Amino acid sequence: MTSSGSADTRRDAHEILQLLLNSPQLAQYYHFDVRPDRTPLKIVNLTPIDIGGSDLTAAGQKTLISTERDNRAIEITAFTIANDAAEIAFTFRVEGVIGHGTFNRVGGKWSLDKLSVAER
């Protein structure tokens, strides 16, 4: 039962994170065309949620999952999944960006509800 639950959580987290990475509000900051050194984009998970996912992409580019802080990475600073709702908070310090997103699951599929991305 635990492995099934954690597999479900990992699958949910992976789907939610992929939605976040594909969002135009965040993708506008990748600048892969003029900053090829940012590929693969590093995703730093600072939360206890297992996001799995070596096959995540950002704007069509591969990503690299890590747990070590990196100023040039997108850092996931908070992530909660409860029933059919999820929230995620993140920073992308190299671009001076912080953000927060909410997600809903309807009919077994996750979708982005609201995303706030701001430069600080």
C-alpha atoms as a PDB file:
ATOM      1  CA  MET A   1       0.000   0.000   0.000  1.00  0.00           C
ATOM      2  CA  THR A   2       2.788   2.454   0.828  1.00  0.00           C
ATOM      3  CA  SER A   3       4.634   1.849  -2.431  1.00  0.00           C
ATOM      4  CA  SER A   4       1.413   2.301  -4.399  1.00  0.00           C
ATOM      5  CA  GLY A   5       0.699   5.548  -2.528  1.00  0.00           C
ATOM      6  CA  SER A   6       4.199   6.868  -3.069  1.00  0.00           C
ATOM      7  CA  ALA A   7       4.092   5.802  -6.720  1.00  0.00           C
ATOM      8  CA  ASP A   8       0.820   7.716  -7.095  1.00  0.00           C
ATOM      9  CA  THR A   9       2.323  10.767  -5.359  1.00  0.00           C
ATOM     10  CA  ARG A  10       5.430  10.575  -7.551  1.00  0.00           C
ATOM     11  CA  ARG A  11       3.292  10.333 -10.695  1.00  0.00           C
ATOM     12  CA  ASP A  12       1.134  13.276  -9.551  1.00  0.00           C
ATOM     13  CA  ALA A  13       4.194  15.366  -8.627  1.00  0.00           C
ATOM     14  CA  HIS A  14       5.783  14.594 -11.991  1.00  0.00           C
ATOM     15  CA  GLU A  15       2.647  15.612 -13.899  1.00  0.00           C
ATOM     16  CA  ILE A  16       2.247  18.824 -11.873  1.00  0.00           C
ATOM     17  CA  LEU A  17       5.886  19.798 -12.267  1.00  0.00           C
ATOM     18  CA  GLN A  18       5.714  19.182 -16.019  1.00  0.00           C
ATOM     19  CA  LEU A  19       2.715  21.530 -16.223  1.00  0.00           C
ATOM     20  CA  LEU A  20       4.700  24.166 -14.322  1.00  0.00           C
ATOM     21  CA  LEU A  21       7.771  23.815 -16.550  1.00  0.00           C
ATOM     22  CA  ASN A  22       5.622  24.097 -19.695  1.00  0.00           C
ATOM     23  CA  SER A  23       3.789  27.215 -18.532  1.00  0.00           C
ATOM     24  CA  PRO A  24       4.504  30.240 -20.741  1.00  0.00           C
ATOM     25  CA  GLN A  25       4.732  32.447 -17.633  1.00  0.00           C
ATOM     26  CA  LEU A  26       7.839  30.523 -16.517  1.00  0.00           C
ATOM     27  CA  ALA A  27       9.219  29.413 -19.888  1.00  0.00           C
ATOM     28  CA  GLN A  28       9.794  33.039 -20.921  1.00  0.00           C
ATOM     29  CA  TYR A  29      12.710  33.106 -18.456  1.00  0.00           C
ATOM     30  CA  TYR A  30      14.638  30.072 -19.764  1.00  0.00           C
ATOM     31  CA  HIS A  31      16.384  31.926 -22.640  1.00  0.00           C
ATOM     32  CA  PHE A  32      17.863  28.665 -23.978  1.00  0.00           C
ATOM     33  CA  ASP A  33      18.492  30.317 -27.352  1.00  0.00           C
ATOM     34  CA  VAL A  34      20.904  32.879 -25.885  1.00  0.00           C
ATOM     35  CA  ARG A  35      21.940  30.898 -22.787  1.00  0.00           C
ATOM     36  CA  PRO A  36      22.733  27.378 -24.041  1.00  0.00           C
ATOM     37  CA  ASP A  37      24.708  26.838 -20.827  1.00  0.00           C
ATOM     38  CA  ARG A  38      21.329  26.503 -19.061  1.00  0.00           C
ATOM     39  CA  THR A  39      20.676  23.155 -20.728  1.00  0.00           C
ATOM     40  CA  PRO A  40      19.934  20.778 -19.305  1.00  0.00           C
ATOM     41  CA  LEU A  41      17.858  22.941 -16.968  1.00  0.00           C
ATOM     42  CA  LYS A  42      18.500  21.914 -13.396  1.00  0.00           C
ATOM     43  CA  ILE A  43      15.483  21.396 -11.123  1.00  0.00           C
ATOM     44  CA  VAL A  44      16.401  21.391  -7.439  1.00  0.00           C
ATOM     45  CA  ASN A  45      13.843  19.714  -5.215  1.00  0.00           C
ATOM     46  CA  LEU A  46      14.065  21.165  -1.697  1.00  0.00           C
ATOM     47  CA  THR A  47      10.874  19.383  -0.574  1.00  0.00           C
ATOM     48  CA  PRO A  48      10.251  15.909   0.824  1.00  0.00           C
ATOM     49  CA  ILE A  49       8.030  15.009  -2.155  1.00  0.00           C
ATOM     50  CA  ASP A  50       9.612  12.528  -4.556  1.00  0.00           C
ATOM     51  CA  ILE A  51       9.237  14.101  -7.994  1.00  0.00           C
ATOM     52  CA  GLY A  52      11.038  11.224  -9.724  1.00  0.00           C
ATOM     53  CA  GLY A  53      11.223  12.224 -13.326  1.00  0.00           C
ATOM     54  CA  SER A  54      14.358  11.986 -15.336  1.00  0.00           C
ATOM     55  CA  ASP A  55      12.148  12.587 -18.379  1.00  0.00           C
ATOM     56  CA  LEU A  56      10.889  16.062 -17.452  1.00  0.00           C
ATOM     57  CA  THR A  57      11.380  18.738 -20.088  1.00  0.00           C
ATOM     58  CA  ALA A  58      11.345  22.530 -20.121  1.00  0.00           C
ATOM     59  CA  ALA A  59      10.581  24.250 -23.441  1.00  0.00           C
ATOM     60  CA  GLY A  60      11.498  21.020 -25.206  1.00  0.00           C
ATOM     61  CA  GLN A  61      14.869  20.737 -23.429  1.00  0.00           C
ATOM     62  CA  LYS A  62      15.874  17.998 -21.003  1.00  0.00           C
ATOM     63  CA  THR A  63      16.073  18.729 -17.306  1.00  0.00           C
ATOM     64  CA  LEU A  64      18.244  17.396 -14.535  1.00  0.00           C
ATOM     65  CA  ILE A  65      16.767  16.688 -11.088  1.00  0.00           C
ATOM     66  CA  SER A  66      18.924  17.458  -8.051  1.00  0.00           C
ATOM     67  CA  THR A  67      18.653  18.086  -4.327  1.00  0.00           C
ATOM     68  CA  GLU A  68      21.696  20.382  -4.138  1.00  0.00           C
ATOM     69  CA  ARG A  69      21.080  24.134  -4.199  1.00  0.00           C
ATOM     70  CA  ASP A  70      22.158  25.901  -7.361  1.00  0.00           C
ATOM     71  CA  ASN A  71      21.736  29.614  -8.162  1.00  0.00           C
ATOM     72  CA  ARG A  72      21.135  28.783 -11.836  1.00  0.00           C
ATOM     73  CA  ALA A  73      18.439  26.166 -11.185  1.00  0.00           C
ATOM     74  CA  ILE A  74      14.722  26.282 -10.655  1.00  0.00           C
ATOM     75  CA  GLU A  75      14.388  25.448  -6.975  1.00  0.00           C
ATOM     76  CA  ILE A  76      11.158  23.885  -5.772  1.00  0.00           C
ATOM     77  CA  THR A  77      10.825  25.346  -2.273  1.00  0.00           C
ATOM     78  CA  ALA A  78       7.375  24.041  -1.303  1.00  0.00           C
ATOM     79  CA  PHE A  79       5.170  21.337  -2.771  1.00  0.00           C
ATOM     80  CA  THR A  80       1.948  19.943  -1.360  1.00  0.00           C
ATOM     81  CA  ILE A  81      -0.478  17.506  -2.908  1.00  0.00           C
ATOM     82  CA  ALA A  82      -3.730  16.772  -1.092  1.00  0.00           C
ATOM     83  CA  ASN A  83      -6.539  14.862  -2.773  1.00  0.00           C
ATOM     84  CA  ASP A  84      -7.340  16.767  -5.977  1.00  0.00           C
ATOM     85  CA  ALA A  85      -5.432  19.989  -5.220  1.00  0.00           C
ATOM     86  CA  ALA A  86      -1.749  20.873  -5.254  1.00  0.00           C
ATOM     87  CA  GLU A  87       0.440  23.901  -4.607  1.00  0.00           C
ATOM     88  CA  ILE A  88       4.002  24.537  -5.588  1.00  0.00           C
ATOM     89  CA  ALA A  89       6.384  27.399  -4.785  1.00  0.00           C
ATOM     90  CA  PHE A  90       9.641  27.965  -6.617  1.00  0.00           C
ATOM     91  CA  THR A  91      12.518  30.338  -7.295  1.00  0.00           C
ATOM     92  CA  PHE A  92      14.667  30.840 -10.372  1.00  0.00           C
ATOM     93  CA  ARG A  93      17.363  33.006  -8.841  1.00  0.00           C
ATOM     94  CA  VAL A  94      19.501  33.471 -11.947  1.00  0.00           C
ATOM     95  CA  GLU A  95      16.529  35.387 -13.405  1.00  0.00           C
ATOM     96  CA  GLY A  96      15.437  36.896 -10.076  1.00  0.00           C
ATOM     97  CA  VAL A  97      12.099  35.108 -10.265  1.00  0.00           C
ATOM     98  CA  ILE A  98       9.837  33.717  -7.561  1.00  0.00           C
ATOM     99  CA  GLY A  99       6.553  31.984  -8.137  1.00  0.00           C
ATOM    100  CA  HIS A 100       3.617  30.062  -6.791  1.00  0.00           C
ATOM    101  CA  GLY A 101       1.180  27.805  -8.597  1.00  0.00           C
ATOM    102  CA  THR A 102      -2.021  25.987  -7.755  1.00  0.00           C
ATOM    103  CA  PHE A 103      -3.239  22.919  -9.598  1.00  0.00           C
ATOM    104  CA  ASN A 104      -6.478  20.920  -9.657  1.00  0.00           C
ATOM    105  CA  ARG A 105      -7.194  17.354 -10.673  1.00  0.00           C
ATOM    106  CA  VAL A 106     -10.415  16.911 -12.617  1.00  0.00           C
ATOM    107  CA  GLY A 107     -11.358  13.593 -14.145  1.00  0.00           C
ATOM    108  CA  GLY A 108      -8.016  12.103 -13.097  1.00  0.00           C
ATOM    109  CA  LYS A 109      -5.956  14.707 -14.968  1.00  0.00           C
ATOM    110  CA  TRP A 110      -4.032  17.599 -13.417  1.00  0.00           C
ATOM    111  CA  SER A 111      -4.369  21.124 -14.763  1.00  0.00           C
ATOM    112  CA  LEU A 112      -2.839  24.456 -13.863  1.00  0.00           C
ATOM    113  CA  ASP A 113      -5.318  26.609 -11.946  1.00  0.00           C
ATOM    114  CA  LYS A 114      -3.317  29.764 -11.145  1.00  0.00           C
ATOM    115  CA  LEU A 115       0.317  30.699 -11.575  1.00  0.00           C
ATOM    116  CA  SER A 116       1.993  33.772 -10.175  1.00  0.00           C
ATOM    117  CA  VAL A 117       5.495  34.522 -11.464  1.00  0.00           C
ATOM    118  CA  ALA A 118       7.204  37.723 -10.371  1.00  0.00           C
ATOM    119  CA  GLU A 119      10.626  39.277 -10.654  1.00  0.00           C
ATOM    120  CA  ARG A 120      12.031  40.475  -7.381  1.00  0.00           C
END
